[in-house]
Amino acid sequence: MIVTNKHGLSEAWIAAVKGSAEEYQKAGWLSMTSLIAPIRIGMLRRRHEDEIEEDVSDRIWMLLGSACHYVLANAAKNADAITEERFCIPVAGREISMQPDRVELIEGSSEPEFVLRDFKITSVWSILLDTKKDWVCQLNGYAWGLRQLGVNVTKLVIEALIRDWSLGEYKKDPERYPDCQVRAVDIEVWTDAACEDYLTRRVREYEAAWDLPDSQLPECTPEERWARPDKWAIQKPGAARATKVCDTQADAERNRKPGMEIVHRPGEDIRCSRFCSAAPWCSTYCAKHNQEVRQEEPF
């Protein structure tokens, strides 16, 4: 990865970001986080790792996440907990590496049972909306791997640090909005059969895509692109806020009152345009934005 510095930050930030990236230890065929990622994104990042450019300013939250994990892992070590230990488990003939944040013994259980806790720094929308599918898949994958090693994980918890939490927003909507900046979220626990089926399917999907050219990699789904659909806003001419927002132009036409105008709000693939470092090599993204796709390299 090439780290740029578009905003003239000090060398300390650059060194910290590069150091954090270099400390990551690759193991196995794929890591669990790679296995659950959209295949097109995962393969493009893997193939173009040395060419991808990311600005240091775009990796600050990732850096703070690494720092948070380091502090929590070292602050509460005890004999009944496993913290940040990497191991590999065979899945469908491939070694998949896993590194759960923290696994604790559940006190009082008749047989040894464990809770797996994962620490996230995230947006408040990850809490207000449905639990992220990636979180559910990741933690259940870890739990299955640990159970193969004899660690009976029966409970899964995300402990989320909400980076954009607001006291003012909580006071406006205390029934829905989180009441503090840290929230523990229970995650559904899958059966071993469901976990193994999911992991095996993902391995097979990656194997099928391994030798495909970049342009023929499986397309990301709207859910994986974090797609925001087109909307049509009904508003007074020149107004900053809409009186009603509709999903279709026809619906907007039916609801428009005399003197109001309809403003088309184009949809956006949020992940692609704002958060995907592999976008310059993605033929689909480049075609949508009238950009020339970066030349495919032999792999």
Protein backbone atom coordinates (compact mmCIF):
# COMPACT_ATOMS: atom_id res chain seq x y z
CA MET A 1 0.00 0.00 0.00
CA ILE A 2 1.18 3.51 -0.85
CA VAL A 3 0.40 6.04 1.89
CA THR A 4 -0.10 9.62 0.68
CA ASN A 5 -0.30 12.82 2.74
CA LYS A 6 -2.62 15.23 0.93
CA HIS A 7 -3.27 17.39 4.00
CA GLY A 8 0.32 17.88 5.16
CA LEU A 9 0.07 15.98 8.43
CA SER A 10 3.19 15.41 10.49
CA GLU A 11 5.48 12.45 9.95
CA ALA A 12 4.22 10.98 13.23
CA TRP A 13 0.83 10.16 11.68
CA ILE A 14 2.40 8.65 8.57
CA ALA A 15 4.79 6.49 10.58
CA ALA A 16 1.97 5.31 12.85
CA VAL A 17 -0.27 4.36 9.93
CA LYS A 18 2.53 2.53 8.10
CA GLY A 19 3.59 0.80 11.32
CA SER A 20 0.06 -0.35 12.02
CA ALA A 21 -0.23 -1.83 8.52
CA GLU A 22 3.14 -3.57 8.74
CA GLU A 23 2.35 -5.14 12.12
CA TYR A 24 -0.48 -7.18 10.59
CA GLN A 25 0.69 -10.78 10.33
CA LYS A 26 -0.58 -12.70 7.33
CA ALA A 27 -1.30 -16.36 7.98
CA GLY A 28 -3.21 -19.12 6.27
CA TRP A 29 -4.84 -19.00 2.84
CA LEU A 30 -7.17 -16.16 3.84
CA SER A 31 -8.06 -14.44 7.08
CA MET A 32 -11.61 -14.56 8.41
CA THR A 33 -12.11 -10.86 7.68
CA SER A 34 -11.00 -11.40 4.08
CA LEU A 35 -13.18 -14.49 3.70
CA ILE A 36 -16.37 -12.62 4.65
CA ALA A 37 -15.56 -9.57 2.50
CA PRO A 38 -17.18 -9.11 -0.94
CA ILE A 39 -15.17 -11.26 -3.36
CA ARG A 40 -14.53 -8.51 -5.92
CA ILE A 41 -13.20 -6.17 -3.23
CA GLY A 42 -11.14 -8.88 -1.55
CA MET A 43 -9.53 -10.12 -4.77
CA LEU A 44 -8.79 -6.63 -6.13
CA ARG A 45 -7.18 -5.58 -2.86
CA ARG A 46 -5.12 -8.76 -2.77
CA ARG A 47 -3.93 -8.43 -6.38
CA HIS A 48 -3.19 -4.69 -6.28
CA GLU A 49 -1.97 -4.36 -2.70
CA ASP A 50 1.33 -2.74 -3.72
CA GLU A 51 -0.40 -0.25 -6.04
CA ILE A 52 -3.30 0.88 -3.87
CA GLU A 53 -3.02 4.44 -2.58
CA GLU A 54 -4.65 5.59 0.64
CA ASP A 55 -4.24 8.97 2.26
CA VAL A 56 -3.08 9.01 5.85
CA SER A 57 -6.16 11.08 6.76
CA ASP A 58 -8.44 8.25 5.57
CA ARG A 59 -6.80 5.73 7.89
CA ILE A 60 -7.04 7.64 11.17
CA TRP A 61 -10.08 5.71 12.45
CA MET A 62 -8.37 2.44 11.54
CA LEU A 63 -5.30 3.59 13.46
CA LEU A 64 -7.40 4.51 16.49
CA GLY A 65 -9.11 1.13 16.25
CA SER A 66 -5.74 -0.62 16.38
CA ALA A 67 -4.73 1.49 19.37
CA CYS A 68 -8.02 0.71 21.14
CA HIS A 69 -7.55 -3.03 20.57
CA TYR A 70 -3.98 -2.87 21.88
CA VAL A 71 -4.95 -1.03 25.07
CA LEU A 72 -7.92 -3.30 25.82
CA ALA A 73 -5.95 -6.48 25.11
CA ASN A 74 -3.18 -5.49 27.51
CA ALA A 75 -5.30 -3.90 30.23
CA ALA A 76 -7.38 -6.92 31.21
CA LYS A 77 -5.33 -10.06 30.72
CA ASN A 78 -6.20 -12.91 33.07
CA ALA A 79 -6.06 -16.69 33.24
CA ASP A 80 -9.69 -17.09 32.15
CA ALA A 81 -9.42 -14.99 28.97
CA ILE A 82 -7.84 -15.39 25.53
CA THR A 83 -6.89 -12.06 23.94
CA GLU A 84 -5.77 -11.32 20.37
CA GLU A 85 -4.33 -14.80 19.71
CA ARG A 86 -4.11 -15.82 16.05
CA PHE A 87 -4.73 -19.41 14.96
CA CYS A 88 -5.57 -21.26 11.74
CA ILE A 89 -8.44 -23.69 11.17
CA PRO A 90 -8.95 -25.88 8.07
CA VAL A 91 -12.12 -25.09 6.13
CA ALA A 92 -12.90 -27.10 3.00
CA GLY A 93 -9.21 -27.92 2.60
CA ARG A 94 -7.98 -24.33 3.10
CA GLU A 95 -6.33 -22.80 6.16
CA ILE A 96 -8.32 -19.81 7.43
CA SER A 97 -6.66 -17.58 10.02
CA MET A 98 -8.61 -16.07 12.88
CA GLN A 99 -7.76 -13.58 15.63
CA PRO A 100 -10.67 -12.96 18.02
CA ASP A 101 -10.38 -9.91 20.25
CA ARG A 102 -11.29 -11.49 23.58
CA VAL A 103 -12.70 -14.83 24.79
CA GLU A 104 -13.79 -15.06 28.43
CA LEU A 105 -14.95 -17.92 30.63
CA ILE A 106 -18.60 -17.53 31.65
CA GLU A 107 -18.71 -17.83 35.42
CA GLY A 108 -21.23 -20.18 36.99
CA SER A 109 -21.83 -22.44 33.98
CA SER A 110 -22.08 -26.16 34.77
CA GLU A 111 -19.69 -26.97 31.90
CA PRO A 112 -16.97 -24.58 30.72
CA GLU A 113 -18.62 -22.07 28.40
CA PHE A 114 -17.14 -18.94 26.88
CA VAL A 115 -18.26 -15.55 25.60
CA LEU A 116 -16.50 -14.03 22.58
CA ARG A 117 -16.24 -10.23 22.67
CA ASP A 118 -15.25 -8.16 19.66
CA PHE A 119 -14.35 -4.47 19.90
CA LYS A 120 -15.47 -2.08 17.14
CA ILE A 121 -15.13 1.66 16.57
CA THR A 122 -18.15 2.45 14.46
CA SER A 123 -20.81 4.95 13.41
CA VAL A 124 -24.03 5.38 15.37
CA TRP A 125 -25.92 4.14 12.30
CA SER A 126 -24.41 0.69 12.82
CA ILE A 127 -26.29 0.63 16.12
CA LEU A 128 -29.53 2.33 15.04
CA LEU A 129 -29.99 0.17 11.94
CA ASP A 130 -29.92 -3.62 11.75
CA THR A 131 -26.76 -5.29 13.05
CA LYS A 132 -24.15 -5.43 10.29
CA LYS A 133 -24.19 -8.76 8.48
CA ASP A 134 -20.37 -8.75 8.44
CA TRP A 135 -20.30 -8.65 12.24
CA VAL A 136 -22.61 -11.65 12.52
CA CYS A 137 -20.59 -13.68 10.00
CA GLN A 138 -17.23 -12.74 11.48
CA LEU A 139 -18.07 -13.59 15.08
CA ASN A 140 -19.83 -16.83 14.19
CA GLY A 141 -16.81 -17.83 12.10
CA TYR A 142 -14.52 -17.18 15.06
CA ALA A 143 -16.84 -19.06 17.42
CA TRP A 144 -16.92 -22.09 15.11
CA GLY A 145 -13.11 -22.07 14.84
CA LEU A 146 -12.72 -21.89 18.61
CA ARG A 147 -15.17 -24.74 19.11
CA GLN A 148 -13.01 -26.88 16.79
CA LEU A 149 -10.20 -26.29 19.29
CA GLY A 150 -12.37 -27.32 22.25
CA VAL A 151 -13.31 -23.80 23.41
CA ASN A 152 -17.10 -23.93 23.78
CA VAL A 153 -18.22 -20.43 22.76
CA THR A 154 -21.93 -20.01 23.50
CA LYS A 155 -22.30 -16.21 23.56
CA LEU A 156 -21.23 -13.47 21.11
CA VAL A 157 -21.03 -9.76 21.92
CA ILE A 158 -19.93 -6.70 19.97
CA GLU A 159 -18.68 -3.89 22.23
CA ALA A 160 -18.99 -0.83 20.02
CA LEU A 161 -17.34 2.55 20.63
CA ILE A 162 -19.63 4.98 18.80
CA ARG A 163 -17.34 7.60 17.30
CA ASP A 164 -20.08 10.08 16.33
CA TRP A 165 -22.30 9.70 19.42
CA SER A 166 -24.09 12.93 20.43
CA LEU A 167 -25.64 13.82 23.77
CA GLY A 168 -27.94 16.25 21.98
CA GLU A 169 -29.28 13.51 19.68
CA TYR A 170 -29.84 11.24 22.67
CA LYS A 171 -31.90 13.93 24.42
CA LYS A 172 -34.03 14.34 21.27
CA ASP A 173 -34.79 10.60 21.01
CA PRO A 174 -33.87 8.73 24.22
CA GLU A 175 -36.05 5.74 23.32
CA ARG A 176 -34.09 4.94 20.14
CA TYR A 177 -30.72 6.65 20.35
CA PRO A 178 -27.88 5.04 22.42
CA ASP A 179 -27.63 6.53 25.91
CA CYS A 180 -23.80 6.51 25.99
CA GLN A 181 -20.82 6.28 23.66
CA VAL A 182 -20.21 2.55 24.27
CA ARG A 183 -22.84 -0.07 23.53
CA ALA A 184 -22.75 -3.87 23.99
CA VAL A 185 -24.67 -5.67 21.22
CA ASP A 186 -25.58 -9.36 21.49
CA ILE A 187 -25.03 -11.30 18.26
CA GLU A 188 -27.09 -14.29 17.15
CA VAL A 189 -25.21 -17.58 17.64
CA TRP A 190 -25.36 -19.98 14.69
CA THR A 191 -25.26 -23.75 14.91
CA ASP A 192 -22.02 -25.50 13.97
CA ALA A 193 -23.69 -26.84 10.83
CA ALA A 194 -24.76 -23.33 9.74
CA CYS A 195 -21.26 -21.96 10.40
CA GLU A 196 -19.54 -24.73 8.47
CA ASP A 197 -21.96 -24.41 5.55
CA TYR A 198 -21.37 -20.65 5.34
CA LEU A 199 -17.57 -20.88 5.60
CA THR A 200 -17.36 -23.72 3.08
CA ARG A 201 -19.50 -21.77 0.62
CA ARG A 202 -17.28 -18.71 0.95
CA VAL A 203 -14.12 -20.79 0.37
CA ARG A 204 -15.64 -22.33 -2.76
CA GLU A 205 -16.72 -18.90 -4.05
CA TYR A 206 -13.21 -17.51 -3.58
CA GLU A 207 -11.67 -20.57 -5.26
CA ALA A 208 -13.97 -20.10 -8.26
CA ALA A 209 -12.89 -16.45 -8.58
CA TRP A 210 -9.18 -16.94 -7.90
CA ASP A 211 -7.97 -17.03 -11.53
CA LEU A 212 -10.61 -14.81 -13.12
CA PRO A 213 -9.51 -11.50 -14.70
CA ASP A 214 -10.33 -8.41 -12.64
CA SER A 215 -13.23 -7.47 -14.91
CA GLN A 216 -14.85 -10.90 -14.55
CA LEU A 217 -14.83 -11.08 -10.76
CA PRO A 218 -18.30 -11.47 -9.18
CA GLU A 219 -20.12 -8.16 -8.94
CA CYS A 220 -20.78 -6.71 -5.51
CA THR A 221 -24.44 -6.80 -4.51
CA PRO A 222 -26.34 -3.57 -3.74
CA GLU A 223 -26.07 -4.50 -0.06
CA GLU A 224 -22.28 -4.93 -0.37
CA ARG A 225 -22.02 -1.59 -2.20
CA TRP A 226 -24.06 0.10 0.56
CA ALA A 227 -26.26 1.32 -2.26
CA ARG A 228 -28.44 4.35 -1.66
CA PRO A 229 -31.31 4.39 -4.22
CA ASP A 230 -32.55 7.35 -6.24
CA LYS A 231 -35.04 9.61 -4.48
CA TRP A 232 -37.39 12.39 -5.65
CA ALA A 233 -37.91 15.31 -3.29
CA ILE A 234 -40.98 17.55 -3.30
CA GLN A 235 -40.10 21.05 -2.14
CA LYS A 236 -40.76 24.72 -2.56
CA PRO A 237 -38.58 26.34 -5.27
CA GLY A 238 -35.22 27.28 -3.77
CA ALA A 239 -35.96 25.62 -0.41
CA ALA A 240 -33.18 23.73 1.35
CA ARG A 241 -35.48 21.07 2.84
CA ALA A 242 -38.07 18.85 1.21
CA THR A 243 -41.65 18.55 2.40
CA LYS A 244 -41.77 14.94 1.20
CA VAL A 245 -39.25 12.48 -0.27
CA CYS A 246 -40.53 9.73 -2.61
CA ASP A 247 -39.01 6.50 -3.88
CA THR A 248 -40.25 7.00 -7.46
CA GLN A 249 -40.82 9.95 -9.76
CA ALA A 250 -44.39 8.79 -10.36
CA ASP A 251 -45.10 8.87 -6.63
CA ALA A 252 -43.61 12.35 -6.41
CA GLU A 253 -45.81 13.55 -9.29
CA ARG A 254 -48.91 12.21 -7.54
CA ASN A 255 -48.04 13.99 -4.29
CA ARG A 256 -46.84 17.31 -5.70
CA LYS A 257 -49.03 20.30 -4.84
CA PRO A 258 -49.36 23.46 -6.96
CA GLY A 259 -46.29 25.69 -6.70
CA MET A 260 -44.01 22.84 -5.59
CA GLU A 261 -41.16 21.36 -7.59
CA ILE A 262 -39.66 17.89 -7.82
CA VAL A 263 -35.90 17.52 -7.37
CA HIS A 264 -34.21 14.27 -8.35
CA ARG A 265 -31.66 13.07 -5.78
CA PRO A 266 -29.41 10.53 -7.56
CA GLY A 267 -28.54 7.39 -5.66
CA GLU A 268 -24.98 6.48 -4.68
CA ASP A 269 -22.95 3.38 -3.93
CA ILE A 270 -21.53 4.68 -0.65
CA ARG A 271 -18.92 2.00 -0.14
CA CYS A 272 -17.60 2.28 -3.71
CA SER A 273 -17.32 6.05 -3.86
CA ARG A 274 -16.08 6.72 -0.33
CA PHE A 275 -14.59 3.64 1.28
CA CYS A 276 -13.24 1.20 -1.34
CA SER A 277 -9.52 1.58 -2.01
CA ALA A 278 -9.79 -0.96 -4.86
CA ALA A 279 -12.27 1.16 -6.84
CA PRO A 280 -9.70 2.36 -9.43
CA TRP A 281 -9.28 -1.28 -10.55
CA CYS A 282 -13.01 -2.07 -10.53
CA SER A 283 -14.42 -2.06 -14.08
CA THR A 284 -17.97 -1.61 -12.81
CA TYR A 285 -17.14 1.43 -10.66
CA CYS A 286 -15.04 3.04 -13.41
CA ALA A 287 -17.75 2.51 -16.04
CA LYS A 288 -20.34 4.20 -13.79
CA HIS A 289 -18.08 7.19 -13.22
CA ASN A 290 -16.68 7.49 -16.75
CA GLN A 291 -13.19 6.69 -15.55
CA GLU A 292 -10.53 4.59 -17.19
CA VAL A 293 -9.94 1.43 -15.21
CA ARG A 294 -6.37 0.94 -14.06
CA GLN A 295 -4.57 -1.60 -16.20
CA GLU A 296 -4.86 -5.16 -14.97
CA GLU A 297 -1.57 -6.65 -13.84
CA PRO A 298 -0.62 -10.33 -14.26
CA PHE A 299 -1.29 -12.31 -11.10
